[in-house]
Amino acid sequence: MGGLYWEKGRAGLRAESTRGAEYMNSRWRTVVVIPALVSLGALLGGLLGPSLPSAAASSGEDEIKESLRVFASVYSAVEEHFADRVDPDRAIFKGAIPGMLRTLDPHSSFFDPREFQLLKEDQKGHYYGVGMWVVGRNGKTIVVAPFKDSPAYKAGIHPGDVILEVDGKSTEGLSTTEVADLLKGPKGTEVVVKVQRAGRKEPLVFRIIRDEIPRKSVTDAFFIRPGIAYIDIEQFNENTSEELDEALKKLGEQNIEGLILDLRDNPGGLLSEGVAVADRFLEKGQTIVMHKGRASPERVYVARRGNGGHKYPIVVLVNRYSASAAEIVAGALQDHDRAWILGDDTFGKGLVQTVYPLSQNTGLALSTARYYTPSGRLIQRDYQNQSFFEYYYRKTPPGERKTVYMTDSGRTVYGGRGITPDEKFSGPELNEFQKRLLRNYAFSNFAAKYFGTHSTNLPQNWVPGEDVINEFHQFLLDEGIEFTEAEFAENHQWVRDQLRREMYITAFGLDEARRLAIQNDPVVLKAIESMDKARELLRRSQEALAERRKRSSGD
């Protein structure tokens, strides 16, 4: 196994945010707060009592009002008699409202003020902070990497630095989310960050001026082979289609002979941006997606702009964490035979969430419709016959029956549980030695220690020599990470590749390390091999389109 192990998409996680945008909505809109929430706020103000009324509603009483009256009485009893003091915000915002929404579907969600602000930041594609990716490990907050040219990067923060204090406040016992909140702040304000660096006895103190931190959704765009372009879309925010246009322009779209569009680990985002991305590769007038719901009229989205005559083959990469808008793009390109889909079955999130701003800076993402691909496939998979844990974290059982549909050229595709790829491929599995080293953060911990005593100035195209590999070998022994000499020898090249990628983060930045990993990603290499299949599919799609136009003109 010579390929780098790289969890695609993880390197693009937001620095001062630990939460991705997983909700899709067509637009923000201010609405009258739904009666149940308004009533709850009013009832909790005064109708408290020691006993519970009968739950039976009188024949002339509105069922909703009666249910709310029962709830108010239950809350009154809890507040008066529970063993500990009741926090109203926690009881309602973390308990009652989410509990009600959980009876509906897995994606309807209530956002408290902080969560609602994060959602808006994800959609806008920027925030204000210092610009670094942090994670929690063994009760500590560790810097994975500062973003290139960010305030943290310019100040000299290194991967592996342990954040001890932010503005004099200890991070001990704080979650990464809480530390992230401390790092954020208005543009132009100063934040003092104290870190412990491997190889240094005394902590280092950095005074960093906060700035606007862009959250690029198109994180990588380059030619991975002559004529073969690679573009990675990590989510769909307000800037995605614009960023895609800029990437294609920078590459020189006229020079593209084949495109790898990476949607792995893409959780979705804004419907409008998913539609715009699909539009960019389809023929004008082709259907992209439709949605409809009980109280939401059917709406069909079609390509209004079109591909502008650029008709190169496309391979789209997906996996089980590709969801929502990512599935809309993959489904539209597959149904029109415009792209060869490679990877694993996608997540299967086809519920439309409309986001309703509520009082007190809170919000509600409510499922109001379902998505269907151009061939009529329902993207959403079943969630009613399993727990939400099983829905989110366990794969759909093999053998579950899927509904058959047809693409434009008559190929068979399946609906009912996400997008099934044209070609399944997930790359080689990690062996036990590799898993053990990754579970123990061996490479990142070694890199932090190494650069505590070595220069970060590495030559271009640097590859770890045997001296570095031997030093890593000794590091594993010192850390008590168990392995056999046979395992180390068998995985020698894999170890070298991992060290190179990890140490590139410090020496050259996260972007260069990610590019190195992409160039050696087994799934990406398979996509290059599959480009001929995409080319044949494109030929068939053009024939089907020409035949359809011929029949239309004949009518």
Protein backbone atom coordinates (compact mmCIF):
# COMPACT_ATOMS: atom_id res chain seq x y z
CA MET A 1 0.00 0.00 0.00
CA GLY A 2 1.76 3.12 -1.17
CA GLY A 3 -1.21 5.50 -1.15
CA LEU A 4 -1.55 8.15 1.49
CA TYR A 5 -4.27 7.70 4.05
CA TRP A 6 -6.21 10.94 3.97
CA GLU A 7 -9.73 11.55 5.21
CA LYS A 8 -10.80 13.76 2.33
CA GLY A 9 -12.73 16.76 3.50
CA ARG A 10 -11.48 16.65 7.06
CA ALA A 11 -8.63 19.01 6.30
CA GLY A 12 -11.11 21.64 5.34
CA LEU A 13 -12.92 21.74 8.66
CA ARG A 14 -13.45 25.21 10.00
CA ALA A 15 -10.95 26.47 12.53
CA GLU A 16 -13.15 28.21 15.04
CA SER A 17 -16.12 25.98 14.30
CA THR A 18 -16.62 22.30 14.98
CA ARG A 19 -19.93 22.01 13.17
CA GLY A 20 -20.57 21.62 9.43
CA ALA A 21 -23.56 22.91 7.48
CA GLU A 22 -25.76 19.86 7.09
CA TYR A 23 -29.03 21.55 6.36
CA MET A 24 -30.36 22.51 2.96
CA ASN A 25 -32.88 25.24 2.39
CA SER A 26 -34.06 27.18 -0.60
CA ARG A 27 -34.02 30.62 1.02
CA TRP A 28 -34.06 32.49 4.30
CA ARG A 29 -37.40 33.98 5.14
CA THR A 30 -38.94 35.72 8.11
CA VAL A 31 -42.22 34.15 9.13
CA VAL A 32 -44.72 34.39 11.91
CA VAL A 33 -43.41 32.06 14.61
CA ILE A 34 -45.40 28.83 14.58
CA PRO A 35 -48.25 28.87 17.11
CA ALA A 36 -46.91 26.01 19.23
CA LEU A 37 -43.63 27.81 19.98
CA VAL A 38 -45.33 31.11 20.69
CA SER A 39 -47.79 29.39 23.01
CA LEU A 40 -45.01 27.56 24.83
CA GLY A 41 -43.23 30.80 25.57
CA ALA A 42 -46.40 32.35 26.96
CA LEU A 43 -47.53 29.33 28.98
CA LEU A 44 -44.20 28.91 30.74
CA GLY A 45 -44.50 32.42 32.13
CA GLY A 46 -47.27 31.76 34.61
CA LEU A 47 -49.41 28.63 34.43
CA LEU A 48 -47.56 26.60 37.03
CA GLY A 49 -49.34 24.25 39.43
CA PRO A 50 -48.80 21.21 41.65
CA SER A 51 -51.02 18.75 39.83
CA LEU A 52 -51.62 17.43 36.33
CA PRO A 53 -54.98 17.86 34.64
CA SER A 54 -56.75 15.12 32.77
CA ALA A 55 -55.31 14.59 29.31
CA ALA A 56 -58.74 14.08 27.77
CA ALA A 57 -59.81 17.02 25.61
CA SER A 58 -63.39 18.23 25.70
CA SER A 59 -65.29 17.76 22.50
CA GLY A 60 -65.28 21.45 21.69
CA GLU A 61 -61.70 22.23 22.61
CA ASP A 62 -58.96 22.60 20.04
CA GLU A 63 -56.55 19.63 20.21
CA ILE A 64 -53.43 21.74 19.90
CA LYS A 65 -54.47 24.09 22.71
CA GLU A 66 -55.32 21.15 24.92
CA SER A 67 -51.96 19.49 24.25
CA LEU A 68 -50.17 22.71 25.09
CA ARG A 69 -52.20 23.05 28.29
CA VAL A 70 -51.13 19.54 29.31
CA PHE A 71 -47.51 20.34 28.51
CA ALA A 72 -47.65 23.52 30.62
CA SER A 73 -49.03 21.57 33.54
CA VAL A 74 -46.32 18.91 33.21
CA TYR A 75 -43.65 21.59 33.14
CA SER A 76 -45.23 23.26 36.17
CA ALA A 77 -45.04 20.01 38.13
CA VAL A 78 -41.42 19.45 37.05
CA GLU A 79 -40.37 22.96 38.00
CA GLU A 80 -42.03 22.78 41.41
CA HIS A 81 -41.16 19.24 42.49
CA PHE A 82 -38.02 18.07 40.64
CA ALA A 83 -35.10 17.28 42.98
CA ASP A 84 -32.83 19.95 41.46
CA ARG A 85 -33.46 23.43 40.13
CA VAL A 86 -34.79 23.34 36.57
CA ASP A 87 -33.10 25.44 33.88
CA PRO A 88 -35.99 26.63 31.66
CA ASP A 89 -33.76 27.17 28.61
CA ARG A 90 -32.31 23.68 28.87
CA ALA A 91 -35.67 22.08 29.53
CA ILE A 92 -37.34 23.75 26.56
CA PHE A 93 -34.59 24.45 24.00
CA LYS A 94 -32.57 21.28 24.66
CA GLY A 95 -35.40 19.02 25.71
CA ALA A 96 -39.02 19.71 24.79
CA ILE A 97 -38.57 21.25 21.34
CA PRO A 98 -35.88 18.83 20.07
CA GLY A 99 -37.92 15.98 21.51
CA MET A 100 -40.95 17.08 19.51
CA LEU A 101 -38.89 17.39 16.33
CA ARG A 102 -37.37 13.94 16.81
CA THR A 103 -40.83 12.44 16.38
CA LEU A 104 -40.93 13.90 12.85
CA ASP A 105 -37.71 13.00 11.04
CA PRO A 106 -33.92 12.96 11.57
CA HIS A 107 -33.28 16.35 9.94
CA SER A 108 -35.81 18.77 11.44
CA SER A 109 -33.78 20.67 14.03
CA PHE A 110 -33.99 23.55 16.47
CA PHE A 111 -31.04 25.93 16.71
CA ASP A 112 -30.21 27.82 19.87
CA PRO A 113 -28.64 31.29 19.32
CA ARG A 114 -25.09 29.97 19.03
CA GLU A 115 -26.01 27.11 16.71
CA PHE A 116 -28.10 29.45 14.57
CA GLN A 117 -25.17 31.84 14.24
CA LEU A 118 -22.89 28.97 13.17
CA LEU A 119 -25.43 27.88 10.57
CA LYS A 120 -25.49 31.38 9.08
CA GLU A 121 -21.68 31.53 9.10
CA ASP A 122 -21.51 28.21 7.24
CA GLN A 123 -23.90 29.51 4.61
CA LYS A 124 -22.18 32.86 4.19
CA GLY A 125 -18.77 31.28 3.74
CA HIS A 126 -16.79 33.38 6.22
CA TYR A 127 -16.39 34.26 9.89
CA TYR A 128 -14.12 36.45 12.05
CA GLY A 129 -11.35 34.84 14.03
CA VAL A 130 -7.71 33.77 13.81
CA GLY A 131 -7.99 30.98 11.22
CA MET A 132 -6.80 27.65 12.49
CA TRP A 133 -8.13 24.11 12.63
CA VAL A 134 -8.26 22.79 16.19
CA VAL A 135 -9.25 19.42 17.66
CA GLY A 136 -9.57 17.93 21.12
CA ARG A 137 -7.22 15.12 22.15
CA ASN A 138 -6.91 13.65 25.62
CA GLY A 139 -8.51 16.68 27.24
CA LYS A 140 -6.29 19.15 25.37
CA THR A 141 -7.00 21.51 22.48
CA ILE A 142 -4.48 20.85 19.72
CA VAL A 143 -3.76 22.93 16.62
CA VAL A 144 -3.97 20.68 13.57
CA ALA A 145 -2.89 23.53 11.30
CA PRO A 146 -3.34 27.26 10.81
CA PHE A 147 -4.89 28.22 7.49
CA LYS A 148 -2.42 29.66 5.03
CA ASP A 149 -2.10 33.47 5.22
CA SER A 150 -4.51 33.58 8.19
CA PRO A 151 -3.68 35.70 11.27
CA ALA A 152 -2.68 32.52 13.15
CA TYR A 153 -0.39 31.48 10.28
CA LYS A 154 1.28 34.89 10.09
CA ALA A 155 1.71 35.00 13.88
CA GLY A 156 3.68 31.75 13.83
CA ILE A 157 1.25 29.21 15.27
CA HIS A 158 2.42 25.67 14.39
CA PRO A 159 0.62 22.36 13.93
CA GLY A 160 0.79 20.41 17.17
CA ASP A 161 0.77 23.48 19.42
CA VAL A 162 -1.34 22.88 22.53
CA ILE A 163 -3.57 25.86 23.34
CA LEU A 164 -3.22 26.57 27.06
CA GLU A 165 -4.97 29.92 27.40
CA VAL A 166 -7.02 32.36 25.35
CA ASP A 167 -7.04 35.94 26.69
CA GLY A 168 -5.88 34.65 30.05
CA LYS A 169 -8.64 32.05 30.32
CA SER A 170 -7.41 28.49 30.78
CA THR A 171 -8.63 25.98 28.22
CA GLU A 172 -8.44 23.14 30.74
CA GLY A 173 -11.80 21.38 30.84
CA LEU A 174 -13.13 23.32 27.84
CA SER A 175 -14.46 21.64 24.72
CA THR A 176 -13.03 22.55 21.32
CA THR A 177 -16.30 24.37 20.65
CA GLU A 178 -15.80 26.53 23.72
CA VAL A 179 -12.18 27.24 22.78
CA ALA A 180 -13.32 28.10 19.25
CA ASP A 181 -15.77 30.64 20.68
CA LEU A 182 -12.94 32.31 22.61
CA LEU A 183 -10.83 32.57 19.46
CA LYS A 184 -13.60 34.24 17.49
CA GLY A 185 -14.37 37.92 17.74
CA PRO A 186 -14.88 41.17 15.83
CA LYS A 187 -12.52 41.98 13.01
CA GLY A 188 -9.52 44.04 14.11
CA THR A 189 -9.65 42.98 17.77
CA GLU A 190 -6.70 41.36 19.52
CA VAL A 191 -6.69 37.92 21.11
CA VAL A 192 -3.81 36.62 23.22
CA VAL A 193 -3.11 32.91 22.74
CA LYS A 194 -0.72 30.96 24.96
CA VAL A 195 0.51 27.63 23.59
CA GLN A 196 2.84 24.85 24.63
CA ARG A 197 5.12 23.68 21.83
CA ALA A 198 6.93 20.35 21.78
CA GLY A 199 10.66 20.80 22.50
CA ARG A 200 10.12 24.12 24.32
CA LYS A 201 10.24 24.32 28.11
CA GLU A 202 8.36 27.60 28.39
CA PRO A 203 4.98 28.36 26.78
CA LEU A 204 4.83 30.74 23.81
CA VAL A 205 2.49 33.74 23.78
CA PHE A 206 1.03 35.13 20.54
CA ARG A 207 -0.88 38.37 20.17
CA ILE A 208 -3.10 37.88 17.13
CA ILE A 209 -5.36 40.41 15.41
CA ARG A 210 -8.61 38.79 14.30
CA ASP A 211 -9.65 39.11 10.67
CA GLU A 212 -12.22 37.78 8.25
CA ILE A 213 -11.57 34.09 7.59
CA PRO A 214 -12.99 32.79 4.32
CA ARG A 215 -14.54 29.33 4.33
CA LYS A 216 -13.77 28.17 0.84
CA SER A 217 -16.15 25.52 -0.39
CA VAL A 218 -14.10 24.81 -3.53
CA THR A 219 -10.90 23.92 -1.72
CA ASP A 220 -8.79 22.38 -4.49
CA ALA A 221 -8.64 22.94 -8.24
CA PHE A 222 -5.62 21.83 -10.24
CA PHE A 223 -4.52 19.59 -13.11
CA ILE A 224 -3.71 16.22 -11.60
CA ARG A 225 -2.57 14.89 -14.98
CA PRO A 226 -2.10 16.69 -18.31
CA GLY A 227 -5.62 17.61 -19.43
CA ILE A 228 -7.26 15.97 -16.36
CA ALA A 229 -8.52 18.54 -13.84
CA TYR A 230 -9.44 17.84 -10.22
CA ILE A 231 -11.94 20.01 -8.32
CA ASP A 232 -13.03 19.41 -4.74
CA ILE A 233 -16.28 20.87 -3.39
CA GLU A 234 -16.52 20.43 0.38
CA GLN A 235 -19.95 21.98 0.96
CA PHE A 236 -22.48 24.26 -0.73
CA ASN A 237 -22.56 27.76 0.72
CA GLU A 238 -23.51 31.11 -0.79
CA ASN A 239 -20.22 31.33 -2.73
CA THR A 240 -19.87 27.82 -4.15
CA SER A 241 -21.00 28.38 -7.74
CA GLU A 242 -18.96 31.58 -7.94
CA GLU A 243 -15.90 29.77 -6.58
CA LEU A 244 -16.44 26.98 -9.11
CA ASP A 245 -16.58 29.48 -11.97
CA GLU A 246 -13.37 31.09 -10.72
CA ALA A 247 -11.66 27.69 -10.46
CA LEU A 248 -12.64 26.68 -14.00
CA LYS A 249 -11.54 30.06 -15.32
CA LYS A 250 -8.20 29.81 -13.54
CA LEU A 251 -7.62 26.29 -14.89
CA GLY A 252 -8.63 27.36 -18.39
CA GLU A 253 -11.76 25.35 -19.07
CA GLN A 254 -10.90 25.12 -22.74
CA ASN A 255 -7.85 23.05 -21.73
CA ILE A 256 -9.85 20.48 -19.73
CA GLU A 257 -10.06 17.06 -21.39
CA GLY A 258 -11.57 15.37 -18.36
CA LEU A 259 -12.74 16.47 -14.91
CA ILE A 260 -12.73 14.71 -11.54
CA LEU A 261 -15.38 16.36 -9.35
CA ASP A 262 -14.88 15.29 -5.73
CA LEU A 263 -18.03 15.36 -3.59
CA ARG A 264 -16.86 12.90 -0.95
CA ASP A 265 -17.70 13.92 2.63
CA ASN A 266 -19.72 16.84 1.28
CA PRO A 267 -22.70 17.16 3.66
CA GLY A 268 -24.68 19.48 1.39
CA GLY A 269 -25.77 23.04 2.04
CA LEU A 270 -27.79 25.47 -0.01
CA LEU A 271 -30.16 24.08 -2.64
CA SER A 272 -29.65 27.08 -4.91
CA GLU A 273 -25.90 26.44 -5.03
CA GLY A 274 -26.31 22.73 -5.66
CA VAL A 275 -28.60 23.59 -8.57
CA ALA A 276 -26.11 26.16 -9.89
CA VAL A 277 -23.24 23.66 -9.83
CA ALA A 278 -25.25 21.02 -11.70
CA ASP A 279 -26.40 23.70 -14.16
CA ARG A 280 -22.73 24.41 -14.94
CA PHE A 281 -22.28 20.95 -16.52
CA LEU A 282 -25.67 20.21 -18.10
CA GLU A 283 -27.38 21.35 -21.29
CA LYS A 284 -29.65 24.35 -21.01
CA GLY A 285 -33.21 23.26 -20.23
CA GLN A 286 -32.33 19.90 -18.67
CA THR A 287 -34.03 19.10 -15.35
CA ILE A 288 -31.77 19.21 -12.29
CA VAL A 289 -34.07 18.35 -9.39
CA MET A 290 -37.64 18.73 -8.20
CA HIS A 291 -39.16 18.87 -4.74
CA LYS A 292 -42.66 18.65 -3.36
CA GLY A 293 -44.33 18.29 0.04
CA ARG A 294 -47.69 18.29 1.79
CA ALA A 295 -47.78 22.09 2.14
CA SER A 296 -45.09 22.82 -0.45
CA PRO A 297 -46.11 22.97 -4.12
CA GLU A 298 -44.09 20.99 -6.63
CA ARG A 299 -41.17 22.93 -8.03
CA VAL A 300 -38.87 21.85 -10.84
CA TYR A 301 -35.38 23.31 -11.25
CA VAL A 302 -33.87 23.28 -14.74
CA ALA A 303 -30.51 24.33 -16.17
CA ARG A 304 -30.86 27.98 -17.18
CA ARG A 305 -27.25 28.70 -18.03
CA GLY A 306 -25.94 25.41 -19.35
CA ASN A 307 -22.39 24.25 -19.94
CA GLY A 308 -21.57 26.86 -22.56
CA GLY A 309 -20.42 24.24 -25.03
CA HIS A 310 -17.84 22.67 -22.70
CA LYS A 311 -18.43 18.95 -23.11
CA TYR A 312 -15.59 17.11 -21.43
CA PRO A 313 -16.07 13.77 -19.60
CA ILE A 314 -16.65 13.95 -15.84
CA VAL A 315 -16.05 11.45 -13.05
CA VAL A 316 -17.87 12.34 -9.82
CA LEU A 317 -16.50 10.91 -6.57
CA VAL A 318 -19.00 10.16 -3.78
CA ASN A 319 -19.10 8.21 -0.53
CA ARG A 320 -21.52 7.47 2.30
CA TYR A 321 -21.00 10.98 3.70
CA SER A 322 -22.01 12.72 0.47
CA ALA A 323 -25.45 14.09 1.25
CA SER A 324 -28.22 16.49 0.29
CA ALA A 325 -27.00 19.04 -2.29
CA ALA A 326 -24.07 16.75 -3.13
CA GLU A 327 -26.58 14.02 -3.96
CA ILE A 328 -28.63 16.44 -6.06
CA VAL A 329 -25.57 17.22 -8.20
CA ALA A 330 -24.51 13.57 -8.49
CA GLY A 331 -28.08 12.42 -9.23
CA ALA A 332 -28.67 15.03 -11.92
CA LEU A 333 -25.39 14.30 -13.72
CA GLN A 334 -26.02 10.55 -13.48
CA ASP A 335 -29.62 10.68 -14.72
CA HIS A 336 -28.57 12.71 -17.76
CA ASP A 337 -25.56 10.39 -18.37
CA ARG A 338 -23.35 13.44 -18.00
CA ALA A 339 -20.94 11.92 -15.47
CA TRP A 340 -19.61 8.56 -14.33
CA ILE A 341 -20.29 8.22 -10.59
CA LEU A 342 -17.52 6.45 -8.67
CA GLY A 343 -17.34 5.47 -5.00
CA ASP A 344 -19.86 4.23 -2.42
CA ASP A 345 -23.62 4.65 -1.97
CA THR A 346 -24.32 8.18 -0.78
CA PHE A 347 -26.00 9.04 2.52
CA GLY A 348 -29.57 9.34 1.25
CA LYS A 349 -30.73 12.72 2.56
CA GLY A 350 -33.58 13.88 0.36
CA LEU A 351 -35.63 15.94 2.82
CA VAL A 352 -35.87 19.67 2.17
CA GLN A 353 -35.34 21.86 5.23
CA THR A 354 -36.81 25.35 5.21
CA VAL A 355 -35.10 27.51 7.83
CA TYR A 356 -37.40 29.74 9.88
CA PRO A 357 -35.80 32.47 12.00
CA LEU A 358 -37.54 32.59 15.40
CA SER A 359 -37.44 34.90 18.39
CA GLN A 360 -34.40 35.31 20.66
CA ASN A 361 -32.04 34.66 17.72
CA THR A 362 -33.07 31.03 17.48
CA GLY A 363 -34.09 29.13 14.37
CA LEU A 364 -36.00 26.11 13.14
CA ALA A 365 -34.97 23.89 10.23
CA LEU A 366 -38.19 22.07 9.33
CA SER A 367 -38.50 19.35 6.70
CA THR A 368 -41.08 20.68 4.26
CA ALA A 369 -40.59 18.59 1.10
CA ARG A 370 -38.70 15.74 -0.53
CA TYR A 371 -36.17 15.80 -3.37
CA TYR A 372 -36.45 13.80 -6.59
CA THR A 373 -33.81 13.44 -9.30
CA PRO A 374 -34.64 14.08 -12.99
CA SER A 375 -35.59 10.42 -13.54
CA GLY A 376 -38.00 10.60 -10.59
CA ARG A 377 -35.80 8.91 -7.99
CA LEU A 378 -36.44 9.73 -4.35
CA ILE A 379 -33.10 10.49 -2.72
CA GLN A 380 -34.25 10.05 0.89
CA ARG A 381 -33.72 6.63 2.43
CA ASP A 382 -36.01 5.10 5.00
CA TYR A 383 -35.65 6.33 8.57
CA GLN A 384 -38.91 5.15 10.11
CA ASN A 385 -37.93 1.55 10.82
CA GLN A 386 -34.73 2.26 12.74
CA SER A 387 -33.32 4.49 15.43
CA PHE A 388 -31.72 7.81 14.54
CA PHE A 389 -28.38 6.35 15.66
CA GLU A 390 -28.72 3.55 13.13
CA TYR A 391 -29.84 6.04 10.50
CA TYR A 392 -26.80 8.27 10.93
CA TYR A 393 -24.03 5.83 11.77
CA ARG A 394 -24.83 2.44 10.31
CA LYS A 395 -24.80 1.47 6.69
CA THR A 396 -28.03 0.52 4.98
CA PRO A 397 -28.37 -3.29 5.20
CA PRO A 398 -27.29 -4.97 1.95
CA GLY A 399 -30.09 -6.56 0.01
CA GLU A 400 -32.60 -3.86 0.81
CA ARG A 401 -34.80 -3.54 -2.25
CA LYS A 402 -34.35 -0.47 -4.41
CA THR A 403 -36.67 1.00 -7.02
CA VAL A 404 -35.41 0.88 -10.63
CA TYR A 405 -35.32 3.97 -12.86
CA MET A 406 -33.76 4.81 -16.22
CA THR A 407 -31.26 7.44 -17.30
CA ASP A 408 -31.63 9.42 -20.54
CA SER A 409 -29.78 6.75 -22.51
CA GLY A 410 -31.66 3.86 -20.87
CA ARG A 411 -29.15 2.84 -18.19
CA THR A 412 -30.54 1.40 -14.97
CA VAL A 413 -30.23 3.49 -11.80
CA TYR A 414 -31.77 3.00 -8.38
CA GLY A 415 -33.79 5.14 -6.02
CA GLY A 416 -34.87 5.03 -2.41
CA ARG A 417 -31.58 5.30 -0.54
CA GLY A 418 -29.30 7.93 -1.95
CA ILE A 419 -27.29 7.70 -5.15
CA THR A 420 -25.85 4.32 -6.12
CA PRO A 421 -22.56 4.85 -8.01
CA ASP A 422 -22.03 3.50 -11.51
CA GLU A 423 -18.85 1.90 -10.22
CA LYS A 424 -18.24 1.02 -6.59
CA PHE A 425 -14.75 1.63 -5.28
CA SER A 426 -13.52 2.69 -1.86
CA GLY A 427 -9.81 1.97 -2.02
CA PRO A 428 -7.77 -0.45 0.08
CA GLU A 429 -8.63 -0.99 3.73
CA LEU A 430 -6.17 0.02 6.43
CA ASN A 431 -4.39 -2.87 8.14
CA GLU A 432 -4.16 -3.17 11.93
CA PHE A 433 -0.70 -1.58 12.13
CA GLN A 434 -1.85 1.44 10.18
CA LYS A 435 -5.01 1.82 12.25
CA ARG A 436 -2.99 1.60 15.46
CA LEU A 437 -0.65 4.41 14.43
CA LEU A 438 -3.49 6.64 13.28
CA ARG A 439 -5.54 6.02 16.44
CA ASN A 440 -2.54 7.16 18.48
CA TYR A 441 -1.96 10.28 16.34
CA ALA A 442 1.57 8.99 15.84
CA PHE A 443 2.38 11.05 12.75
CA SER A 444 1.05 14.41 13.93
CA ASN A 445 2.62 13.96 17.39
CA PHE A 446 5.96 13.03 15.84
CA ALA A 447 5.86 16.01 13.47
CA ALA A 448 5.17 18.39 16.36
CA LYS A 449 8.10 16.95 18.32
CA TYR A 450 10.39 16.89 15.27
CA PHE A 451 9.84 20.54 14.38
CA GLY A 452 10.37 21.51 18.01
CA THR A 453 14.07 20.86 17.45
CA HIS A 454 14.42 21.02 13.63
CA SER A 455 13.95 23.79 11.09
CA THR A 456 10.60 24.00 9.33
CA ASN A 457 12.34 25.03 6.10
CA LEU A 458 12.24 21.89 4.00
CA PRO A 459 13.24 21.82 0.31
CA GLN A 460 10.54 21.55 -2.34
CA ASN A 461 9.47 17.97 -3.12
CA TRP A 462 11.04 16.85 0.17
CA VAL A 463 10.75 13.15 1.00
CA PRO A 464 11.65 11.72 4.43
CA GLY A 465 15.01 9.96 4.38
CA GLU A 466 15.95 6.89 6.36
CA ASP A 467 17.24 9.12 9.17
CA VAL A 468 13.74 10.58 9.69
CA ILE A 469 12.09 7.16 9.41
CA ASN A 470 14.53 5.74 11.98
CA GLU A 471 13.79 8.68 14.27
CA PHE A 472 10.06 7.94 13.89
CA HIS A 473 10.72 4.28 14.67
CA GLN A 474 12.41 5.29 17.94
CA PHE A 475 9.55 7.71 18.67
CA LEU A 476 7.04 4.83 18.48
CA LEU A 477 9.12 2.84 20.95
CA ASP A 478 9.41 5.80 23.32
CA GLU A 479 5.65 6.37 23.16
CA GLY A 480 4.90 2.75 23.95
CA ILE A 481 3.02 2.14 20.69
CA GLU A 482 3.17 -1.58 20.11
CA PHE A 483 4.33 -3.01 16.79
CA THR A 484 6.57 -5.71 15.42
CA GLU A 485 9.63 -5.14 13.29
CA ALA A 486 7.95 -7.19 10.58
CA GLU A 487 4.95 -4.82 10.61
CA PHE A 488 7.19 -1.77 10.37
CA ALA A 489 9.16 -3.24 7.49
CA GLU A 490 6.02 -4.31 5.64
CA ASN A 491 4.54 -0.80 5.93
CA HIS A 492 7.78 1.08 5.29
CA GLN A 493 6.54 2.95 2.21
CA TRP A 494 3.20 3.75 3.84
CA VAL A 495 5.01 5.21 6.86
CA ARG A 496 7.18 7.32 4.56
CA ASP A 497 4.11 8.64 2.73
CA GLN A 498 2.33 9.52 5.97
CA LEU A 499 5.35 11.29 7.39
CA ARG A 500 5.77 13.27 4.20
CA ARG A 501 2.13 14.40 4.17
CA GLU A 502 2.08 15.25 7.88
CA MET A 503 5.33 17.19 7.79
CA TYR A 504 4.23 19.08 4.69
CA ILE A 505 1.51 20.66 6.83
CA THR A 506 4.11 22.48 8.94
CA ALA A 507 6.68 23.10 6.22
CA PHE A 508 4.45 24.09 3.30
CA GLY A 509 0.95 24.55 4.70
CA LEU A 510 -2.29 22.62 4.75
CA ASP A 511 -3.08 23.24 1.07
CA GLU A 512 0.15 21.69 -0.19
CA ALA A 513 -0.19 18.74 2.16
CA ARG A 514 -3.70 18.14 0.93
CA ARG A 515 -2.65 18.35 -2.71
CA LEU A 516 0.08 15.79 -2.06
CA ALA A 517 -2.48 13.46 -0.50
CA ILE A 518 -4.93 13.91 -3.38
CA GLN A 519 -2.29 13.07 -5.95
CA ASN A 520 -1.73 9.73 -4.22
CA ASP A 521 -5.34 9.00 -3.23
CA PRO A 522 -6.29 5.51 -4.54
CA VAL A 523 -9.85 6.66 -5.31
CA VAL A 524 -8.60 9.63 -7.32
CA LEU A 525 -6.18 7.37 -9.21
CA LYS A 526 -9.10 5.04 -9.95
CA ALA A 527 -11.07 8.04 -11.25
CA ILE A 528 -8.28 8.76 -13.72
CA GLU A 529 -8.53 5.17 -14.93
CA SER A 530 -12.33 5.52 -15.22
CA MET A 531 -12.18 8.59 -17.44
CA ASP A 532 -12.63 6.45 -20.57
CA LYS A 533 -15.93 5.19 -19.15
CA ALA A 534 -17.02 8.77 -18.57
CA ARG A 535 -16.00 9.62 -22.13
CA GLU A 536 -18.15 6.79 -23.53
CA LEU A 537 -21.03 7.88 -21.29
CA LEU A 538 -20.74 11.43 -22.61
CA ARG A 539 -20.96 10.11 -26.17
CA ARG A 540 -24.12 8.19 -25.31
CA SER A 541 -25.65 11.20 -23.57
CA GLN A 542 -25.08 13.35 -26.66
CA GLU A 543 -26.72 10.71 -28.84
CA ALA A 544 -29.72 10.47 -26.52
CA LEU A 545 -30.04 14.24 -26.45
CA ALA A 546 -29.84 14.48 -30.24
CA GLU A 547 -32.49 11.78 -30.60
CA ARG A 548 -34.78 13.58 -28.17
CA ARG A 549 -34.41 16.83 -30.08
CA LYS A 550 -35.08 15.02 -33.35
CA ARG A 551 -38.31 13.55 -31.98
CA SER A 552 -39.32 16.91 -30.57
CA SER A 553 -38.79 18.70 -33.89
CA GLY A 554 -40.66 15.90 -35.68
CA ASP A 555 -43.69 16.45 -33.47
